[in-house]
N, C-alpha and C. Protein backbone atom coordinates (compact mmCIF):
# COMPACT_ATOMS: atom_id res chain seq x y z
N MET A 1 38.18 29.66 28.31
CA MET A 1 38.51 31.25 27.98
C MET A 1 38.12 31.46 29.67
N TRP A 2 36.84 31.50 30.28
CA TRP A 2 35.91 32.32 31.25
C TRP A 2 36.54 31.18 32.53
N ASN A 3 37.53 30.81 32.50
CA ASN A 3 37.77 29.55 34.08
C ASN A 3 36.67 28.80 33.87
N LEU A 4 36.75 28.20 32.38
CA LEU A 4 35.82 27.10 32.45
C LEU A 4 36.46 25.28 32.77
N PRO A 5 35.44 24.80 33.40
CA PRO A 5 35.91 23.43 33.95
C PRO A 5 36.94 22.71 32.91
N PRO A 6 38.14 22.36 32.74
CA PRO A 6 38.96 21.17 32.05
C PRO A 6 38.18 20.40 31.17
N SER A 7 37.26 19.71 32.12
CA SER A 7 36.50 18.73 31.25
C SER A 7 35.43 18.92 29.60
N ASP A 8 35.17 20.68 29.88
CA ASP A 8 34.74 20.71 28.89
C ASP A 8 35.63 21.35 27.82
N SER A 9 36.23 20.92 26.98
CA SER A 9 37.30 21.72 25.64
C SER A 9 36.83 21.80 24.51
N VAL A 10 35.71 21.55 24.21
CA VAL A 10 35.07 22.09 23.23
C VAL A 10 34.51 23.55 23.80
N LEU A 11 34.33 23.85 24.42
CA LEU A 11 33.63 25.39 25.08
C LEU A 11 34.84 26.04 25.17
N HIS A 12 35.85 25.36 25.75
CA HIS A 12 37.22 26.30 25.89
C HIS A 12 37.75 26.83 24.65
N PHE A 13 37.87 25.62 23.80
CA PHE A 13 38.32 26.27 22.63
C PHE A 13 37.30 27.04 21.72
N LEU A 14 35.94 26.85 22.02
CA LEU A 14 34.98 27.76 20.98
C LEU A 14 34.96 29.05 21.50
N SER A 15 35.37 29.14 22.99
CA SER A 15 35.64 30.93 23.68
C SER A 15 36.77 31.32 22.74
N LEU A 16 37.84 30.66 22.68
CA LEU A 16 38.85 31.67 21.96
C LEU A 16 38.65 31.80 20.63
N VAL A 17 37.83 30.67 19.93
CA VAL A 17 37.61 31.19 18.47
C VAL A 17 36.63 32.58 18.35
N ALA A 18 35.55 32.55 19.65
CA ALA A 18 34.92 33.64 19.85
C ALA A 18 35.72 35.13 19.99
N VAL A 19 36.82 35.04 20.90
CA VAL A 19 37.59 35.93 21.11
C VAL A 19 37.53 36.47 19.75
N ALA A 20 38.51 35.68 19.08
CA ALA A 20 39.23 36.07 18.03
C ALA A 20 38.08 36.59 16.84
N ALA A 21 36.86 36.14 17.04
CA ALA A 21 35.70 36.59 16.16
C ALA A 21 35.14 37.86 16.40
N GLN A 22 34.96 38.40 17.99
CA GLN A 22 34.48 40.08 18.10
C GLN A 22 35.35 40.63 17.93
N GLY A 23 36.94 40.18 17.99
CA GLY A 23 37.87 41.18 17.58
C GLY A 23 37.60 41.43 16.20
N MET A 24 37.42 40.78 15.19
CA MET A 24 37.43 40.48 14.02
C MET A 24 36.19 41.92 13.41
N THR A 25 35.01 41.62 14.40
CA THR A 25 33.48 42.21 14.21
C THR A 25 34.22 43.75 14.40
N ALA A 26 35.14 43.96 15.64
CA ALA A 26 35.34 45.35 15.92
C ALA A 26 36.26 45.90 15.03
N ALA A 27 36.82 45.43 14.40
CA ALA A 27 37.86 45.81 13.21
C ALA A 27 37.04 46.06 11.78
N LEU A 28 36.00 45.45 11.81
CA LEU A 28 35.28 45.63 10.67
C LEU A 28 34.14 46.80 10.70
N ALA A 29 33.96 46.73 12.00
CA ALA A 29 32.85 48.14 12.25
C ALA A 29 33.94 49.90 12.48
N ALA A 30 34.96 49.29 13.17
CA ALA A 30 35.64 50.38 13.05
C ALA A 30 36.14 51.03 11.95
N GLY A 31 36.43 49.86 10.95
CA GLY A 31 36.86 50.33 9.67
C GLY A 31 35.81 51.57 8.64
N ARG A 32 34.73 51.20 9.20
CA ARG A 32 33.69 52.07 8.78
C ARG A 32 34.06 53.51 9.18
N ARG A 33 34.36 53.51 10.39
CA ARG A 33 34.37 54.83 11.17
C ARG A 33 35.98 55.06 10.66
N SER A 34 36.54 54.96 10.11
CA SER A 34 37.72 55.28 9.97
C SER A 34 38.65 55.98 11.08
N MET A 35 38.81 54.57 11.98
CA MET A 35 39.95 55.03 13.13
C MET A 35 40.99 54.08 12.81
N ASP A 36 42.25 54.61 13.31
CA ASP A 36 43.40 54.71 13.38
C ASP A 36 43.56 53.03 13.93
N TRP A 37 44.89 52.21 13.84
CA TRP A 37 45.00 51.07 14.00
C TRP A 37 45.00 50.73 15.50
N LEU A 38 45.44 51.42 16.18
CA LEU A 38 45.36 51.53 17.63
C LEU A 38 44.21 51.66 18.42
N GLY A 39 43.66 52.06 17.67
CA GLY A 39 42.01 52.29 18.14
C GLY A 39 41.22 50.99 17.60
N VAL A 40 41.68 50.32 16.19
CA VAL A 40 41.01 49.37 16.07
C VAL A 40 41.15 48.39 17.14
N CYS A 41 42.33 47.95 17.65
CA CYS A 41 42.88 47.32 18.31
C CYS A 41 42.30 46.96 19.71
N PHE A 42 42.23 48.46 20.36
CA PHE A 42 41.66 48.64 21.43
C PHE A 42 40.20 48.31 21.12
N LEU A 43 39.36 49.20 20.26
CA LEU A 43 37.86 48.44 20.25
C LEU A 43 38.05 46.82 20.21
N GLY A 44 38.67 46.03 19.63
CA GLY A 44 38.33 44.78 19.64
C GLY A 44 38.78 44.03 20.91
N CYS A 45 39.59 44.69 21.49
CA CYS A 45 39.63 44.01 23.25
C CYS A 45 38.11 44.66 23.92
N ILE A 46 37.75 45.80 23.91
CA ILE A 46 36.60 45.82 24.73
C ILE A 46 35.32 44.90 23.81
N THR A 47 35.36 44.68 22.98
CA THR A 47 34.28 43.94 22.39
C THR A 47 34.22 42.80 22.64
N ALA A 48 35.46 42.12 22.63
CA ALA A 48 35.50 40.58 22.64
C ALA A 48 35.73 40.38 24.10
N LEU A 49 35.83 41.27 25.12
CA LEU A 49 36.13 40.74 26.71
C LEU A 49 35.35 41.43 27.64
N GLY A 50 34.42 42.61 26.96
CA GLY A 50 33.58 43.43 27.46
C GLY A 50 32.27 42.90 28.15
N GLY A 51 32.10 42.02 27.72
CA GLY A 51 30.46 41.05 28.21
C GLY A 51 31.01 40.42 29.39
N GLY A 52 32.04 39.74 29.23
CA GLY A 52 32.56 38.82 30.02
C GLY A 52 32.99 39.64 31.44
N THR A 53 33.64 40.89 31.48
CA THR A 53 33.88 41.71 32.16
C THR A 53 33.09 42.05 33.06
N LEU A 54 32.05 42.51 32.19
CA LEU A 54 30.93 43.29 33.11
C LEU A 54 30.10 42.25 33.92
N ARG A 55 30.16 40.81 33.08
CA ARG A 55 29.20 39.63 34.00
C ARG A 55 29.75 39.55 35.32
N ASP A 56 31.44 39.33 35.32
CA ASP A 56 32.29 39.22 36.22
C ASP A 56 32.04 40.05 37.40
N LEU A 57 32.02 41.23 37.03
CA LEU A 57 31.97 42.31 37.98
C LEU A 57 30.50 42.08 38.55
N PHE A 58 29.41 41.76 37.93
CA PHE A 58 28.18 41.97 38.76
C PHE A 58 28.13 40.73 39.53
N LEU A 59 28.63 39.46 38.94
CA LEU A 59 28.63 38.45 40.13
C LEU A 59 29.90 38.35 41.07
N GLY A 60 30.64 39.20 41.23
CA GLY A 60 31.94 38.97 42.38
C GLY A 60 32.87 37.82 41.72
N HIS A 61 32.78 37.88 40.09
CA HIS A 61 33.75 36.35 39.68
C HIS A 61 35.54 37.24 39.56
N TYR A 62 36.37 36.63 40.67
CA TYR A 62 37.43 37.21 40.35
C TYR A 62 38.42 36.33 40.52
N PRO A 63 39.68 36.39 39.82
CA PRO A 63 40.26 37.52 38.79
C PRO A 63 39.39 37.71 37.61
N LEU A 64 39.63 38.71 37.13
CA LEU A 64 38.64 38.77 35.53
C LEU A 64 39.89 38.11 34.57
N ALA A 65 39.05 37.55 33.74
CA ALA A 65 39.71 36.46 32.86
C ALA A 65 40.76 37.04 32.07
N TRP A 66 40.70 38.51 31.65
CA TRP A 66 41.84 38.67 30.85
C TRP A 66 42.80 39.35 31.67
N VAL A 67 42.35 39.60 32.51
CA VAL A 67 43.48 40.03 34.20
C VAL A 67 44.44 38.77 34.51
N GLN A 68 43.85 37.62 34.91
CA GLN A 68 44.45 36.36 35.02
C GLN A 68 45.06 36.03 33.74
N ASN A 69 45.10 36.21 32.54
CA ASN A 69 45.37 35.59 31.43
C ASN A 69 45.28 36.47 30.36
N PRO A 70 46.36 37.54 30.43
CA PRO A 70 46.62 38.48 29.82
C PRO A 70 46.47 38.12 28.08
N VAL A 71 46.89 36.95 27.68
CA VAL A 71 47.07 36.33 26.05
C VAL A 71 45.59 36.60 25.57
N TYR A 72 44.29 36.83 26.54
CA TYR A 72 43.49 36.75 25.51
C TYR A 72 43.26 38.41 25.14
N LEU A 73 44.02 39.59 26.03
CA LEU A 73 44.06 40.68 25.05
C LEU A 73 44.66 40.71 23.84
N ALA A 74 45.58 39.95 23.71
CA ALA A 74 46.62 39.77 22.57
C ALA A 74 45.90 39.33 21.71
N LEU A 75 44.97 38.19 22.14
CA LEU A 75 44.20 37.24 20.72
C LEU A 75 43.26 38.44 20.37
N ALA A 76 42.43 39.17 21.10
CA ALA A 76 41.28 39.95 20.45
C ALA A 76 42.06 41.04 19.94
N GLY A 77 43.15 41.95 20.37
CA GLY A 77 43.78 42.96 19.84
C GLY A 77 44.59 42.36 18.45
N GLY A 78 45.04 41.40 18.59
CA GLY A 78 45.79 40.40 17.18
C GLY A 78 45.14 40.12 16.49
N ALA A 79 43.55 39.81 16.28
CA ALA A 79 42.71 39.39 15.33
C ALA A 79 42.05 40.97 14.94
N ALA A 80 42.14 41.59 15.78
CA ALA A 80 41.26 42.94 15.05
C ALA A 80 42.64 43.66 13.90
N PHE A 81 43.97 43.17 14.53
CA PHE A 81 45.12 44.15 13.80
C PHE A 81 44.88 43.24 12.29
N LEU A 82 44.86 41.32 12.06
CA LEU A 82 45.09 40.73 11.17
C LEU A 82 43.93 41.08 10.08
N THR A 83 42.67 41.64 11.08
CA THR A 83 41.77 42.07 10.18
C THR A 83 42.02 43.63 9.06
N ILE A 84 42.48 44.19 9.40
CA ILE A 84 42.83 45.57 8.92
C ILE A 84 43.45 44.91 8.03
N LEU A 85 44.53 44.28 8.10
CA LEU A 85 45.53 43.44 6.53
C LEU A 85 44.71 42.78 5.95
N MET A 86 43.87 42.02 6.12
CA MET A 86 43.16 41.41 5.31
C MET A 86 41.64 41.73 4.90
N ALA A 87 41.44 43.05 5.37
CA ALA A 87 39.88 43.50 5.07
C ALA A 87 39.73 43.64 3.57
N ARG A 88 40.82 44.24 2.77
CA ARG A 88 40.96 44.29 1.44
C ARG A 88 40.54 43.11 0.49
N LEU A 89 40.64 41.93 1.22
CA LEU A 89 40.64 40.97 0.84
C LEU A 89 39.05 39.89 0.49
N VAL A 90 38.36 40.46 1.79
CA VAL A 90 37.37 40.15 1.95
C VAL A 90 36.10 40.55 1.20
N HIS A 91 35.28 40.20 0.50
CA HIS A 91 34.75 40.84 -0.57
C HIS A 91 33.07 41.04 -0.12
N ARG A 92 32.66 40.17 1.04
CA ARG A 92 31.31 40.22 1.57
C ARG A 92 31.80 40.79 3.04
N LEU A 93 32.09 41.71 3.00
CA LEU A 93 32.23 42.01 4.94
C LEU A 93 31.12 42.04 5.72
N LYS A 94 29.65 42.44 4.75
CA LYS A 94 28.91 42.37 5.90
C LYS A 94 28.59 41.27 6.24
N ILE A 95 28.46 40.11 5.26
CA ILE A 95 28.16 38.70 5.54
C ILE A 95 29.11 38.09 6.84
N ALA A 96 30.31 38.50 6.59
CA ALA A 96 31.56 38.12 7.45
C ALA A 96 31.11 38.46 8.65
N PHE A 97 31.04 40.15 8.99
CA PHE A 97 30.37 40.94 10.14
C PHE A 97 29.47 39.85 11.01
N ILE A 98 28.57 39.69 10.14
CA ILE A 98 27.10 38.80 10.78
C ILE A 98 27.46 37.76 11.29
N VAL A 99 27.94 36.77 10.36
CA VAL A 99 28.55 35.41 10.90
C VAL A 99 29.60 35.45 12.28
N LEU A 100 30.68 36.32 12.01
CA LEU A 100 31.64 36.37 13.25
C LEU A 100 30.31 36.91 14.39
N ASP A 101 29.97 37.98 14.46
CA ASP A 101 29.16 38.47 15.51
C ASP A 101 28.14 37.26 16.18
N ALA A 102 27.79 36.39 15.52
CA ALA A 102 26.42 35.18 15.81
C ALA A 102 27.53 34.29 16.30
N ILE A 103 28.95 34.31 15.90
CA ILE A 103 29.67 33.02 16.78
C ILE A 103 30.03 33.81 17.92
N GLY A 104 30.50 34.63 18.64
CA GLY A 104 30.51 35.83 19.64
C GLY A 104 29.50 35.51 20.64
N LEU A 105 28.17 35.60 19.57
CA LEU A 105 26.51 36.06 20.93
C LEU A 105 26.59 34.34 21.29
N VAL A 106 26.55 33.70 20.26
CA VAL A 106 26.36 32.39 21.03
C VAL A 106 27.17 31.58 21.84
N VAL A 107 28.74 31.66 21.43
CA VAL A 107 29.71 31.21 22.35
C VAL A 107 29.73 31.76 23.91
N PHE A 108 29.54 33.15 23.84
CA PHE A 108 29.38 33.98 24.96
C PHE A 108 28.51 33.81 25.85
N THR A 109 27.33 33.56 25.07
CA THR A 109 25.99 33.21 25.93
C THR A 109 26.61 32.13 26.81
N MET A 110 26.61 31.07 26.01
CA MET A 110 27.24 29.71 26.79
C MET A 110 28.37 29.85 28.24
N ALA A 111 29.16 30.38 27.97
CA ALA A 111 30.60 30.72 28.47
C ALA A 111 29.61 31.62 29.91
N GLY A 112 28.69 32.78 29.71
CA GLY A 112 28.33 33.29 31.03
C GLY A 112 27.69 32.52 31.81
N CYS A 113 26.74 31.54 31.15
CA CYS A 113 25.91 30.78 31.65
C CYS A 113 26.69 29.60 32.85
N ASP A 114 28.15 29.24 32.01
CA ASP A 114 28.54 28.32 32.82
C ASP A 114 29.14 28.72 33.70
N VAL A 115 29.77 29.83 34.22
CA VAL A 115 30.26 30.70 34.79
C VAL A 115 29.29 30.99 36.05
N ALA A 116 28.10 31.37 35.51
CA ALA A 116 27.28 31.92 36.75
C ALA A 116 26.82 30.46 37.34
N TRP A 117 26.50 29.14 36.51
CA TRP A 117 26.27 28.09 36.89
C TRP A 117 27.30 27.53 38.13
N GLN A 118 28.69 27.57 37.65
CA GLN A 118 29.85 27.26 38.75
C GLN A 118 29.48 27.94 40.21
N MET A 119 29.01 29.08 39.86
CA MET A 119 28.90 29.97 41.15
C MET A 119 27.31 29.97 41.78
N ASP A 120 26.87 28.60 41.50
CA ASP A 120 25.60 28.22 41.90
C ASP A 120 24.53 29.27 41.98
N ALA A 121 24.24 30.01 40.84
CA ALA A 121 23.62 30.86 40.72
C ALA A 121 22.08 30.39 40.41
N SER A 122 20.76 31.04 40.57
CA SER A 122 19.89 30.29 40.40
C SER A 122 19.77 30.46 38.82
N LEU A 123 18.59 29.78 38.06
CA LEU A 123 18.69 29.88 36.56
C LEU A 123 18.49 31.06 36.29
N PRO A 124 17.48 31.94 36.78
CA PRO A 124 17.44 33.17 35.98
C PRO A 124 18.68 34.07 36.05
N ILE A 125 19.32 33.86 37.12
CA ILE A 125 20.96 34.50 37.34
C ILE A 125 21.84 33.93 35.90
N VAL A 126 21.61 32.81 35.80
CA VAL A 126 22.68 32.06 34.82
C VAL A 126 22.18 32.41 33.25
N ILE A 127 20.71 32.81 33.17
CA ILE A 127 19.86 33.00 32.11
C ILE A 127 20.65 34.31 31.44
N VAL A 128 20.69 35.57 32.74
CA VAL A 128 20.95 36.89 32.90
C VAL A 128 22.16 37.09 32.42
N SER A 129 23.05 36.35 32.85
CA SER A 129 24.87 35.80 33.17
C SER A 129 25.15 35.88 31.84
N GLY A 130 24.44 34.68 30.99
CA GLY A 130 24.63 34.23 29.60
C GLY A 130 24.24 35.65 28.80
N MET A 131 23.42 36.41 28.66
CA MET A 131 22.92 37.59 27.91
C MET A 131 24.26 38.64 27.98
N VAL A 132 24.27 38.55 29.35
CA VAL A 132 25.37 39.79 29.31
C VAL A 132 26.62 39.48 28.95
N THR A 133 27.04 38.37 28.83
CA THR A 133 28.26 38.07 28.00
C THR A 133 28.05 38.19 26.69
N GLY A 134 27.13 37.51 26.57
CA GLY A 134 26.90 37.51 24.97
C GLY A 134 26.72 38.80 23.94
N CYS A 135 25.53 39.79 24.66
CA CYS A 135 25.07 40.73 23.96
C CYS A 135 26.26 42.08 24.39
N ALA A 136 26.77 42.05 25.65
CA ALA A 136 27.25 43.53 25.68
C ALA A 136 28.28 44.17 24.94
N GLY A 137 28.97 42.90 24.85
CA GLY A 137 30.61 43.31 23.79
C GLY A 137 30.15 44.03 22.65
N GLY A 138 28.92 43.30 21.84
CA GLY A 138 28.61 43.75 20.93
C GLY A 138 28.11 45.12 21.07
N VAL A 139 27.33 45.41 22.27
CA VAL A 139 26.52 46.77 22.01
C VAL A 139 28.15 47.63 22.37
N LEU A 140 28.54 47.65 23.40
CA LEU A 140 29.65 48.51 24.04
C LEU A 140 30.32 48.71 22.10
N ARG A 141 30.89 48.02 21.07
CA ARG A 141 30.96 48.41 19.77
C ARG A 141 30.37 49.10 19.10
N ASP A 142 29.23 48.36 19.04
CA ASP A 142 28.48 49.66 18.16
C ASP A 142 28.18 50.94 18.76
N VAL A 143 28.25 51.14 20.04
CA VAL A 143 27.98 52.56 20.82
C VAL A 143 29.30 53.14 20.52
N LEU A 144 30.42 52.46 20.60
CA LEU A 144 31.64 53.79 20.25
C LEU A 144 31.92 53.71 19.01
N CYS A 145 31.04 53.59 18.05
CA CYS A 145 31.48 53.37 16.37
C CYS A 145 30.08 54.25 15.94
N ASN A 146 29.52 54.54 17.00
CA ASN A 146 28.43 55.33 16.43
C ASN A 146 27.15 54.57 16.02
N ASP A 147 27.25 53.41 15.95
CA ASP A 147 25.74 52.75 15.18
C ASP A 147 25.12 52.28 16.33
N VAL A 148 23.48 51.74 15.65
CA VAL A 148 22.31 51.39 16.17
C VAL A 148 22.90 50.18 17.01
N PRO A 149 23.19 49.75 18.02
CA PRO A 149 23.35 48.16 18.32
C PRO A 149 22.45 47.42 17.74
N LEU A 150 23.24 46.22 17.49
CA LEU A 150 22.40 44.87 16.88
C LEU A 150 21.19 44.40 17.73
N LEU A 151 21.43 44.64 19.12
CA LEU A 151 20.89 44.45 20.17
C LEU A 151 19.44 45.02 19.81
N PHE A 152 19.67 46.53 19.57
CA PHE A 152 18.25 47.01 19.00
C PHE A 152 17.71 47.02 17.89
N ARG A 153 18.50 46.18 16.98
CA ARG A 153 17.82 46.58 15.77
C ARG A 153 16.62 45.28 15.23
N SER A 154 16.28 45.03 14.11
CA SER A 154 14.87 44.36 14.00
C SER A 154 14.89 42.50 14.01
N GLU A 155 15.87 42.57 13.41
CA GLU A 155 16.00 40.65 13.40
C GLU A 155 16.49 40.47 15.01
N LEU A 156 16.07 39.06 15.56
CA LEU A 156 16.12 38.15 16.93
C LEU A 156 17.58 38.58 17.57
N TYR A 157 18.05 39.01 18.23
CA TYR A 157 19.36 39.01 18.90
C TYR A 157 19.33 38.76 20.48
N ALA A 158 19.08 39.13 21.07
CA ALA A 158 18.49 38.98 22.78
C ALA A 158 18.18 37.92 22.75
N SER A 159 16.96 38.08 22.02
CA SER A 159 16.32 36.22 22.12
C SER A 159 17.24 35.37 21.67
N VAL A 160 17.88 35.33 20.92
CA VAL A 160 18.98 34.34 20.42
C VAL A 160 19.66 33.85 21.75
N SER A 161 19.95 34.96 22.42
CA SER A 161 21.03 34.79 23.57
C SER A 161 20.19 33.91 24.79
N VAL A 162 18.70 34.33 24.82
CA VAL A 162 17.86 33.52 25.86
C VAL A 162 17.70 32.35 25.07
N VAL A 163 17.46 31.88 24.36
CA VAL A 163 17.17 30.47 23.74
C VAL A 163 18.64 29.58 24.25
N THR A 164 19.53 30.38 23.40
CA THR A 164 21.02 29.41 23.55
C THR A 164 20.76 29.18 25.14
N GLY A 165 20.89 30.18 26.12
CA GLY A 165 21.37 30.10 27.30
C GLY A 165 20.39 28.90 27.93
N LEU A 166 18.75 28.91 27.67
CA LEU A 166 18.11 28.06 28.62
C LEU A 166 18.31 26.46 27.85
N PHE A 167 18.78 26.56 26.53
CA PHE A 167 18.92 25.20 25.96
C PHE A 167 20.35 24.36 26.19
N TYR A 168 21.43 25.52 26.40
CA TYR A 168 22.48 25.14 27.16
C TYR A 168 22.17 24.85 28.48
N ALA A 169 21.52 25.45 29.57
CA ALA A 169 21.39 25.16 30.76
C ALA A 169 20.46 23.72 30.81
N THR A 170 20.27 23.08 30.25
CA THR A 170 18.97 22.04 30.26
C THR A 170 20.22 21.09 30.84
N ALA A 171 21.51 21.04 30.00
CA ALA A 171 22.27 19.95 30.04
C ALA A 171 22.97 20.14 31.79
N PHE A 172 22.65 21.00 32.63
CA PHE A 172 23.16 21.32 34.00
C PHE A 172 22.40 20.53 34.76
N GLY A 173 21.12 20.23 34.60
CA GLY A 173 20.26 19.48 35.29
C GLY A 173 20.09 18.16 35.01
N LEU A 174 20.48 18.09 33.48
CA LEU A 174 20.28 16.46 33.69
C LEU A 174 21.70 15.73 33.25
N LYS A 175 22.69 16.26 33.46
CA LYS A 175 23.65 16.20 33.55
C LYS A 175 24.24 15.18 32.31
N LEU A 176 23.97 15.88 31.01
CA LEU A 176 24.54 15.24 30.02
C LEU A 176 25.57 15.58 29.67
N ASN A 177 26.46 14.51 28.59
CA ASN A 177 27.88 14.87 28.21
C ASN A 177 28.02 15.96 27.85
N ALA A 178 28.82 17.32 28.32
CA ALA A 178 29.07 18.40 28.04
C ALA A 178 29.59 18.59 26.66
N GLU A 179 30.31 17.78 26.34
CA GLU A 179 31.16 18.44 25.17
C GLU A 179 30.05 18.55 23.79
N LEU A 180 29.36 17.26 23.97
CA LEU A 180 27.99 17.12 23.24
C LEU A 180 27.00 18.18 22.64
N TRP A 181 26.70 18.33 24.64
CA TRP A 181 25.60 19.59 24.57
C TRP A 181 26.38 20.91 24.43
N THR A 182 27.59 21.13 24.11
CA THR A 182 27.97 22.12 23.78
C THR A 182 27.99 22.31 22.23
N ILE A 183 28.19 21.46 21.47
CA ILE A 183 28.25 21.03 20.30
C ILE A 183 26.64 21.54 19.99
N LEU A 184 25.84 21.15 20.45
CA LEU A 184 24.49 21.03 20.00
C LEU A 184 23.92 22.39 19.90
N THR A 185 24.29 23.18 21.43
CA THR A 185 23.78 24.21 21.61
C THR A 185 24.48 25.57 20.55
N PHE A 186 25.73 25.25 19.94
CA PHE A 186 26.45 26.11 19.17
C PHE A 186 25.92 26.12 18.20
N VAL A 187 25.20 24.75 17.72
CA VAL A 187 24.65 24.63 16.28
C VAL A 187 23.46 25.49 16.14
N LEU A 188 22.50 25.41 17.59
CA LEU A 188 21.49 25.55 17.19
C LEU A 188 21.24 27.38 17.31
N GLY A 189 22.20 27.39 18.39
CA GLY A 189 22.29 29.26 18.34
C GLY A 189 22.73 30.01 17.22
N ILE A 190 23.34 29.47 16.11
CA ILE A 190 23.90 30.02 15.26
C ILE A 190 23.26 29.87 14.35
N SER A 191 22.55 28.71 13.96
CA SER A 191 21.43 28.64 13.11
C SER A 191 20.06 29.95 13.34
N PHE A 192 19.57 29.47 14.61
CA PHE A 192 18.97 30.59 14.77
C PHE A 192 19.06 31.80 14.67
N ARG A 193 20.42 32.53 14.97
CA ARG A 193 20.46 33.63 14.46
C ARG A 193 20.69 34.10 12.95
N LEU A 194 21.21 33.27 12.28
CA LEU A 194 21.22 33.28 10.90
C LEU A 194 20.09 33.16 10.16
N LEU A 195 19.11 32.36 10.68
CA LEU A 195 17.86 32.38 9.96
C LEU A 195 17.16 33.33 10.13
N ALA A 196 16.75 33.99 11.85
CA ALA A 196 16.41 35.24 11.88
C ALA A 196 17.09 36.58 11.02
N VAL A 197 18.45 36.70 10.70
CA VAL A 197 18.95 37.74 9.92
C VAL A 197 18.19 37.52 8.41
N ARG A 198 18.07 36.35 7.89
CA ARG A 198 18.00 35.92 6.51
C ARG A 198 16.33 36.14 6.52
N TYR A 199 15.48 35.62 7.34
CA TYR A 199 14.27 35.71 7.30
C TYR A 199 13.46 36.95 7.82
N LYS A 200 14.46 37.45 8.63
CA LYS A 200 14.05 39.09 9.29
C LYS A 200 13.03 38.86 10.31
N TRP A 201 13.19 37.51 11.09
CA TRP A 201 12.41 37.37 12.10
C TRP A 201 12.57 38.45 13.43
N GLU A 202 11.43 39.06 13.57
CA GLU A 202 11.76 40.24 14.53
C GLU A 202 10.62 39.83 16.09
N MET A 203 11.05 40.66 16.77
CA MET A 203 9.85 40.70 18.08
C MET A 203 8.86 42.24 17.70
N PRO A 204 8.24 41.60 18.01
CA PRO A 204 6.76 42.66 17.99
C PRO A 204 7.14 44.19 18.93
N LYS A 205 6.87 45.22 17.87
CA LYS A 205 7.46 46.51 17.95
C LYS A 205 6.33 47.45 19.14
N PHE A 206 6.57 48.00 20.09
CA PHE A 206 5.96 49.00 20.75
C PHE A 206 6.02 50.49 19.89
N VAL A 207 5.08 50.72 19.47
CA VAL A 207 5.20 52.03 18.55
C VAL A 207 3.98 53.09 19.64
N PHE A 208 4.11 53.91 19.48
CA PHE A 208 3.49 55.11 20.68
C PHE A 208 4.15 56.60 20.23
N THR A 209 2.99 57.15 19.34
CA THR A 209 3.33 58.41 18.59
C THR A 209 3.22 59.38 19.55
N GLY A 210 1.96 59.08 20.58
CA GLY A 210 1.29 60.13 21.38
C GLY A 210 0.21 61.06 21.00
N ASP A 211 -0.40 60.48 19.59
CA ASP A 211 -1.31 61.20 18.80
C ASP A 211 -2.50 60.59 19.51
N GLU A 212 -2.51 59.75 20.20
CA GLU A 212 -3.75 59.04 20.66
C GLU A 212 -4.41 60.30 21.63
N GLU A 213 -3.71 60.90 22.53
CA GLU A 213 -4.05 62.06 23.29
C GLU A 213 -4.42 63.28 22.76
N LYS A 214 -4.62 63.38 21.30
CA LYS A 214 -4.90 64.65 20.79
C LYS A 214 -6.35 64.85 20.47
């Protein structure tokens, strides 16, 4: 998807799945705001490709993936449109939304790390690139739908991206089997995110009301 090396076919396949998954989360979010069909498809493209686009702009990585391969626009928009037709058949939309969003978060984090590493970026930049790729699309989706982004809600989200990126980047230094490590990272990331939602794992909160000054 994001100009990945042909040897890691697993990550390439998962990236395609993630594009479709994020397109579907956009449609589910847009449906709650009564958007028209074109708006749903447009939001699907922004959600699925926004994180990777921002990452490439920050890193100077050209051409952009969807510019070089417009089929990804069709995949994201098509997945969003298909969700419109199937939404009434899905009885637990909230669960579907969380699972699909987790797939996008984890897979795009890996893809972002991979691109930064290919550009000989340092480890901190690799991790940040993974976070931007994994999180930014979902933030754009939620902001455009006038929702509080999942990134800023209680359950762990950005932390999942950081852990996923660190675990995935381990393979770069140790020269482990790329496809096997991709699968292991995917399982770890998805499990971590879903467990965080299930058990409401949270980061410590900063609360300051100003009353202390009175």
